[in-house]
């Protein structure tokens, strides 16, 4: 697995986002600052580059309003963006592969499904029932749920369910394990055997034939990850849930079209599937970011993996 700059623990240090933009964290006469510089150099470097890029964009846009030809440059840019929008709208999406048939199940790859759960006693039983009743060969499927130091009955419920479902395996993490969701996933990853790694949130809902549709998408060697479409379970409850349902439909459609024109597919955290070899080459999940799905998306694309 690739070496991770986030692998060293420093849970007691708080990152100052403003300070990381204005300084390099280093003080040649302070050993503690030297250590902090080593830990945060990757993050502060990215923040500085992002800040520089934003300021450059803002400066260019503001400058165009002061130039005699700036108006026409803005018109040209608008036309380019409009053309790209039309391209996204009218491009035919990729045809999904045929779902697995019964005759195909003898040679399917192993799948490991991971869930990082913390204080999820109200939904964890339903999720386990979903995951353990997937229509997939049981000798090729394992379900790992990480009890990330829950203070409710999540751990006890999981231990009871593990006696009922032989494919269900539980990992209990102590209070000082660190790394959040990414840390939990990284810790359990070494215990899994599947060629394809799936990640779900504790409140996820899924159909029994999900893996029959997802696994064939990894037949293309360049595909490193697949993101399934997310939906709202209570979409008809009120105006706000209906709006969120529409938002997720639009997001799924937009991502589908973006992939069709050769753009970047994105992972959403819940309902993501990643090829183990791709995940290992990218160094696993980043434990120093709150947007682990976006971080993994970028690293997969940098490593020339396709996301569907």
Protein backbone atom coordinates (compact mmCIF):
# COMPACT_ATOMS: atom_id res chain seq x y z
CA UNK A 1 0.00 0.00 0.00
CA UNK A 2 1.20 3.49 -0.81
CA UNK A 3 2.75 5.46 2.05
CA UNK A 4 0.30 7.88 3.63
CA UNK A 5 1.29 11.32 4.90
CA UNK A 6 -1.72 11.10 7.25
CA UNK A 7 -0.61 7.86 8.92
CA UNK A 8 1.09 9.52 11.90
CA UNK A 9 -1.22 10.26 14.81
CA UNK A 10 -1.53 13.80 16.17
CA UNK A 11 -5.07 13.95 17.48
CA UNK A 12 -4.32 16.61 20.09
CA UNK A 13 -3.15 19.18 17.57
CA UNK A 14 -5.72 21.56 16.14
CA UNK A 15 -5.20 22.76 12.61
CA UNK A 16 -5.56 26.51 12.09
CA UNK A 17 -6.90 26.85 8.53
CA UNK A 18 -6.04 30.55 8.32
CA UNK A 19 -2.56 30.02 9.70
CA UNK A 20 -1.94 27.22 7.25
CA UNK A 21 -2.53 29.67 4.41
CA UNK A 22 -0.22 32.33 5.80
CA UNK A 23 2.69 30.28 7.12
CA UNK A 24 4.54 27.04 6.55
CA UNK A 25 4.23 25.98 10.22
CA UNK A 26 7.97 25.87 10.63
CA UNK A 27 10.24 27.44 13.21
CA UNK A 28 13.87 26.28 12.83
CA UNK A 29 14.48 26.69 16.57
CA UNK A 30 11.41 24.81 17.75
CA UNK A 31 11.36 21.01 17.51
CA UNK A 32 7.60 20.91 18.05
CA UNK A 33 7.03 23.29 15.14
CA UNK A 34 9.37 21.19 13.02
CA UNK A 35 7.26 18.12 13.79
CA UNK A 36 4.04 20.01 13.04
CA UNK A 37 5.52 21.19 9.77
CA UNK A 38 6.21 17.60 8.75
CA UNK A 39 2.70 16.50 9.69
CA UNK A 40 0.82 19.34 8.03
CA UNK A 41 2.98 20.13 5.03
CA UNK A 42 0.68 18.19 2.70
CA UNK A 43 -2.48 19.89 3.95
CA UNK A 44 -1.10 23.41 4.24
CA UNK A 45 0.47 23.08 0.79
CA UNK A 46 -2.89 22.18 -0.72
CA UNK A 47 -4.60 25.06 1.06
CA UNK A 48 -2.00 27.53 -0.18
CA UNK A 49 -2.41 26.30 -3.75
CA UNK A 50 -6.21 26.46 -3.48
CA UNK A 51 -6.08 29.99 -2.04
CA UNK A 52 -3.67 31.11 -4.75
CA UNK A 53 -5.88 29.61 -7.48
CA UNK A 54 -9.01 31.32 -6.14
CA UNK A 55 -7.29 34.68 -5.83
CA UNK A 56 -5.92 34.35 -9.36
CA UNK A 57 -9.40 33.57 -10.73
CA UNK A 58 -10.97 36.47 -8.84
CA UNK A 59 -8.23 38.85 -10.02
CA UNK A 60 -8.66 37.82 -13.65
CA UNK A 61 -12.46 38.17 -13.54
CA UNK A 62 -12.30 41.58 -11.84
CA UNK A 63 -9.59 42.68 -14.25
CA UNK A 64 -11.73 41.82 -17.27
CA UNK A 65 -14.26 44.46 -16.19
CA UNK A 66 -11.55 47.14 -16.37
CA UNK A 67 -10.26 46.20 -19.82
CA UNK A 68 -11.76 47.51 -23.05
CA UNK A 69 -11.92 44.01 -24.52
CA UNK A 70 -12.96 42.34 -21.25
CA UNK A 71 -16.67 42.38 -22.16
CA UNK A 72 -16.02 40.26 -25.26
CA UNK A 73 -13.83 37.87 -23.32
CA UNK A 74 -16.69 37.28 -20.88
CA UNK A 75 -19.09 36.72 -23.80
CA UNK A 76 -16.69 34.19 -25.34
CA UNK A 77 -16.30 32.37 -22.04
CA UNK A 78 -20.08 32.26 -21.64
CA UNK A 79 -20.41 30.71 -25.10
CA UNK A 80 -17.81 28.06 -24.28
CA UNK A 81 -19.58 27.16 -21.04
CA UNK A 82 -22.94 27.10 -22.82
CA UNK A 83 -21.52 24.73 -25.42
CA UNK A 84 -20.26 22.44 -22.68
CA UNK A 85 -23.70 22.53 -21.03
CA UNK A 86 -25.37 21.51 -24.30
CA UNK A 87 -22.80 18.76 -24.73
CA UNK A 88 -23.64 17.41 -21.28
CA UNK A 89 -27.35 17.63 -22.02
CA UNK A 90 -27.41 15.80 -25.34
CA UNK A 91 -24.61 13.24 -25.03
CA UNK A 92 -25.90 9.69 -24.88
CA UNK A 93 -24.97 8.09 -21.54
CA UNK A 94 -22.92 4.92 -21.41
CA UNK A 95 -24.91 1.69 -21.58
CA UNK A 96 -24.59 -0.22 -18.30
CA UNK A 97 -23.40 -3.84 -18.52
CA UNK A 98 -25.85 -6.71 -18.30
CA UNK A 99 -26.51 -7.72 -14.66
CA UNK A 100 -25.11 -11.01 -13.46
CA UNK A 101 -27.18 -14.05 -14.34
CA UNK A 102 -27.42 -17.21 -12.24
CA UNK A 103 -24.94 -18.98 -14.52
CA UNK A 104 -22.39 -16.20 -13.91
CA UNK A 105 -22.35 -16.52 -10.13
CA UNK A 106 -19.85 -19.38 -10.06
CA UNK A 107 -16.97 -17.14 -11.16
CA UNK A 108 -17.76 -13.80 -9.51
CA UNK A 109 -15.10 -11.92 -7.50
CA UNK A 110 -15.20 -11.67 -3.73
CA UNK A 111 -16.90 -8.60 -2.28
CA UNK A 112 -16.28 -7.06 1.14
CA UNK A 113 -18.87 -4.60 2.44
CA UNK A 114 -17.72 -2.14 5.11
CA UNK A 115 -19.69 0.05 7.49
CA UNK A 116 -18.31 2.42 10.12
CA UNK A 117 -21.03 2.74 12.76
CA UNK A 118 -21.11 4.98 15.81
CA UNK A 119 -24.25 5.16 17.98
CA UNK A 120 -26.51 3.70 15.29
CA UNK A 121 -28.72 1.45 17.40
CA UNK A 122 -31.93 2.63 15.72
CA UNK A 123 -30.89 1.66 12.16
CA UNK A 124 -28.11 -0.91 12.41
CA UNK A 125 -30.37 -4.00 12.51
CA UNK A 126 -32.17 -2.99 9.33
CA UNK A 127 -28.85 -2.36 7.57
CA UNK A 128 -27.44 -5.75 8.57
CA UNK A 129 -30.59 -7.43 7.23
CA UNK A 130 -30.13 -5.61 3.92
CA UNK A 131 -26.45 -6.49 3.59
CA UNK A 132 -26.72 -10.12 4.65
CA UNK A 133 -29.64 -10.85 2.30
CA UNK A 134 -28.00 -9.62 -0.87
CA UNK A 135 -28.48 -11.93 -3.84
CA UNK A 136 -24.83 -12.96 -4.18
CA UNK A 137 -22.90 -16.17 -3.42
CA UNK A 138 -22.45 -16.22 0.33
CA UNK A 139 -18.96 -17.71 0.08
CA UNK A 140 -17.94 -14.66 -1.97
CA UNK A 141 -19.50 -12.07 0.34
CA UNK A 142 -18.35 -10.76 3.70
CA UNK A 143 -19.85 -7.94 5.77
CA UNK A 144 -17.63 -6.02 8.18
CA UNK A 145 -19.16 -3.50 10.55
CA UNK A 146 -16.88 -1.38 12.69
CA UNK A 147 -18.36 -0.37 16.04
CA UNK A 148 -16.46 2.91 16.39
CA UNK A 149 -16.68 3.16 20.20
CA UNK A 150 -20.44 3.53 20.33
CA UNK A 151 -21.86 4.63 23.69
CA UNK A 152 -25.34 3.23 23.02
CA UNK A 153 -26.39 -0.38 22.32
CA UNK A 154 -24.88 -0.56 18.82
CA UNK A 155 -22.06 -2.88 19.88
CA UNK A 156 -24.33 -5.28 21.76
CA UNK A 157 -26.80 -5.41 18.87
CA UNK A 158 -24.02 -6.19 16.42
CA UNK A 159 -22.63 -8.98 18.60
CA UNK A 160 -26.08 -10.55 18.73
CA UNK A 161 -26.56 -10.24 14.96
CA UNK A 162 -23.13 -11.83 14.34
CA UNK A 163 -24.45 -15.04 15.91
CA UNK A 164 -27.34 -15.02 13.44
CA UNK A 165 -25.41 -14.20 10.26
CA UNK A 166 -22.18 -16.16 9.63
CA UNK A 167 -20.97 -13.68 6.98
CA UNK A 168 -21.21 -10.78 9.45
CA UNK A 169 -17.98 -9.81 11.24
CA UNK A 170 -17.61 -7.13 13.88
CA UNK A 171 -14.64 -4.97 14.83
CA UNK A 172 -14.91 -2.96 18.06
CA UNK A 173 -12.68 0.12 18.17
CA UNK A 174 -11.48 1.73 21.42
CA UNK A 175 -12.09 5.37 22.34
CA UNK A 176 -8.62 6.54 21.31
CA UNK A 177 -8.49 4.77 17.93
CA UNK A 178 -8.60 8.06 15.98
CA UNK A 179 -9.05 8.79 12.29
CA UNK A 180 -12.84 8.96 12.33
CA UNK A 181 -14.66 7.08 9.58
CA UNK A 182 -11.51 6.87 7.46
CA UNK A 183 -9.54 5.45 10.37
CA UNK A 184 -12.19 2.80 10.97
CA UNK A 185 -12.22 1.80 7.30
CA UNK A 186 -8.43 1.67 7.08
CA UNK A 187 -8.22 -0.47 10.21
CA UNK A 188 -10.69 -3.07 8.98
CA UNK A 189 -9.43 -3.10 5.38
CA UNK A 190 -6.47 -5.34 6.21
CA UNK A 191 -8.88 -7.93 7.64
CA UNK A 192 -10.96 -8.22 4.48
CA UNK A 193 -10.50 -10.55 1.51
CA UNK A 194 -12.73 -9.19 -1.24
CA UNK A 195 -11.41 -7.95 -4.57
CA UNK A 196 -14.11 -5.26 -4.49
CA UNK A 197 -14.67 -3.11 -1.41
CA UNK A 198 -18.09 -1.55 -0.80
CA UNK A 199 -18.74 1.20 1.75
CA UNK A 200 -22.14 2.11 3.21
CA UNK A 201 -23.48 4.42 5.88
CA UNK A 202 -25.43 2.87 8.74
CA UNK A 203 -28.74 4.33 7.52
CA UNK A 204 -28.37 3.03 3.96
CA UNK A 205 -31.09 1.11 2.17
CA UNK A 206 -30.36 -1.15 -0.80
CA UNK A 207 -32.07 -3.66 -3.07
CA UNK A 208 -31.19 -7.34 -2.93
CA UNK A 209 -29.92 -7.40 -6.54
CA UNK A 210 -27.49 -4.49 -6.06
CA UNK A 211 -24.30 -6.51 -6.44
CA UNK A 212 -25.58 -8.20 -9.59
CA UNK A 213 -25.63 -4.74 -11.20
CA UNK A 214 -22.45 -3.30 -9.65
CA UNK A 215 -19.94 -6.15 -10.01
CA UNK A 216 -20.11 -6.36 -13.86
CA UNK A 217 -19.08 -2.69 -14.03
CA UNK A 218 -15.62 -3.73 -12.79
CA UNK A 219 -15.06 -5.96 -15.84
CA UNK A 220 -13.33 -3.00 -17.50
CA UNK A 221 -9.74 -3.04 -16.25
CA UNK A 222 -9.51 0.76 -16.03
CA UNK A 223 -12.53 1.06 -13.72
CA UNK A 224 -11.25 1.69 -10.21
CA UNK A 225 -14.51 2.60 -8.48
CA UNK A 226 -18.28 2.70 -8.91
CA UNK A 227 -20.74 5.01 -7.18
CA UNK A 228 -24.33 3.80 -6.95
CA UNK A 229 -27.22 6.25 -7.11
CA UNK A 230 -28.39 7.61 -3.77
CA UNK A 231 -32.06 8.19 -3.00
CA UNK A 232 -34.22 9.42 -0.11
CA UNK A 233 -36.23 6.76 1.71
CA UNK A 234 -38.97 9.19 2.83
CA UNK A 235 -39.16 11.33 -0.31
CA UNK A 236 -42.96 11.73 -0.10
CA UNK A 237 -43.01 12.94 3.50
CA UNK A 238 -42.86 16.71 2.93
CA UNK A 239 -41.68 19.52 0.68
CA UNK A 240 -38.08 19.36 1.91
CA UNK A 241 -37.65 15.60 1.42
CA UNK A 242 -39.15 15.90 -2.06
CA UNK A 243 -36.63 18.63 -2.83
CA UNK A 244 -33.76 16.50 -1.59
CA UNK A 245 -34.97 13.58 -3.71
CA UNK A 246 -34.98 15.81 -6.80
CA UNK A 247 -31.50 17.04 -5.91
CA UNK A 248 -30.15 13.48 -5.77
CA UNK A 249 -31.80 12.56 -9.07
CA UNK A 250 -30.25 15.63 -10.69
CA UNK A 251 -26.84 14.82 -9.17
CA UNK A 252 -26.99 11.26 -10.48
CA UNK A 253 -28.03 12.41 -13.95
CA UNK A 254 -25.33 15.09 -14.07
CA UNK A 255 -22.64 12.63 -12.98
CA UNK A 256 -23.80 10.11 -15.58
CA UNK A 257 -23.57 12.71 -18.34
CA UNK A 258 -20.21 14.01 -17.11
CA UNK A 259 -18.76 10.50 -17.30
CA UNK A 260 -20.25 10.06 -20.78
CA UNK A 261 -18.29 13.06 -22.12
CA UNK A 262 -15.05 11.87 -20.52
CA UNK A 263 -15.32 13.93 -17.35
CA UNK A 264 -14.67 13.02 -13.73
CA UNK A 265 -16.95 10.68 -11.85
CA UNK A 266 -17.21 11.32 -8.10
CA UNK A 267 -17.57 9.10 -5.06
CA UNK A 268 -20.22 9.98 -2.49
CA UNK A 269 -19.06 7.98 0.54
CA UNK A 270 -22.29 6.05 0.99
CA UNK A 271 -22.75 3.41 -1.71
CA UNK A 272 -19.20 3.54 -3.07
CA UNK A 273 -17.41 0.48 -4.43
CA UNK A 274 -13.64 0.49 -4.96
CA UNK A 275 -11.32 -2.06 -6.55
CA UNK A 276 -8.91 -3.27 -3.86
CA UNK A 277 -5.83 -2.88 -6.07
CA UNK A 278 -6.82 0.73 -6.87
CA UNK A 279 -7.45 1.49 -3.20
CA UNK A 280 -4.09 0.03 -2.18
CA UNK A 281 -2.23 2.01 -4.84
CA UNK A 282 -3.88 5.21 -3.62
CA UNK A 283 -2.99 4.56 0.01
CA UNK A 284 -6.45 3.86 1.45
CA UNK A 285 -8.72 6.50 2.98
CA UNK A 286 -7.32 9.84 4.10
CA UNK A 287 -7.68 10.16 7.87
CA UNK A 288 -6.87 13.88 7.89
CA UNK A 289 -9.83 15.13 5.88
CA UNK A 290 -13.55 15.39 6.50
CA UNK A 291 -14.27 14.87 2.78
CA UNK A 292 -12.72 11.41 2.44
CA UNK A 293 -14.91 10.58 -0.58
CA UNK A 294 -13.77 13.63 -2.58
CA UNK A 295 -10.16 13.06 -1.51
CA UNK A 296 -10.25 9.45 -2.72
CA UNK A 297 -11.93 10.57 -5.94
CA UNK A 298 -9.07 12.92 -6.78
CA UNK A 299 -6.38 10.38 -5.91
CA UNK A 300 -8.02 7.68 -8.03
CA UNK A 301 -8.19 9.99 -11.04
CA UNK A 302 -4.58 11.12 -10.55
CA UNK A 303 -3.65 7.42 -10.61
CA UNK A 304 -5.57 7.07 -13.93
CA UNK A 305 -8.50 5.03 -12.59
CA UNK A 306 -11.97 5.56 -14.01
CA UNK A 307 -14.96 6.09 -11.70
CA UNK A 308 -18.39 5.05 -12.97
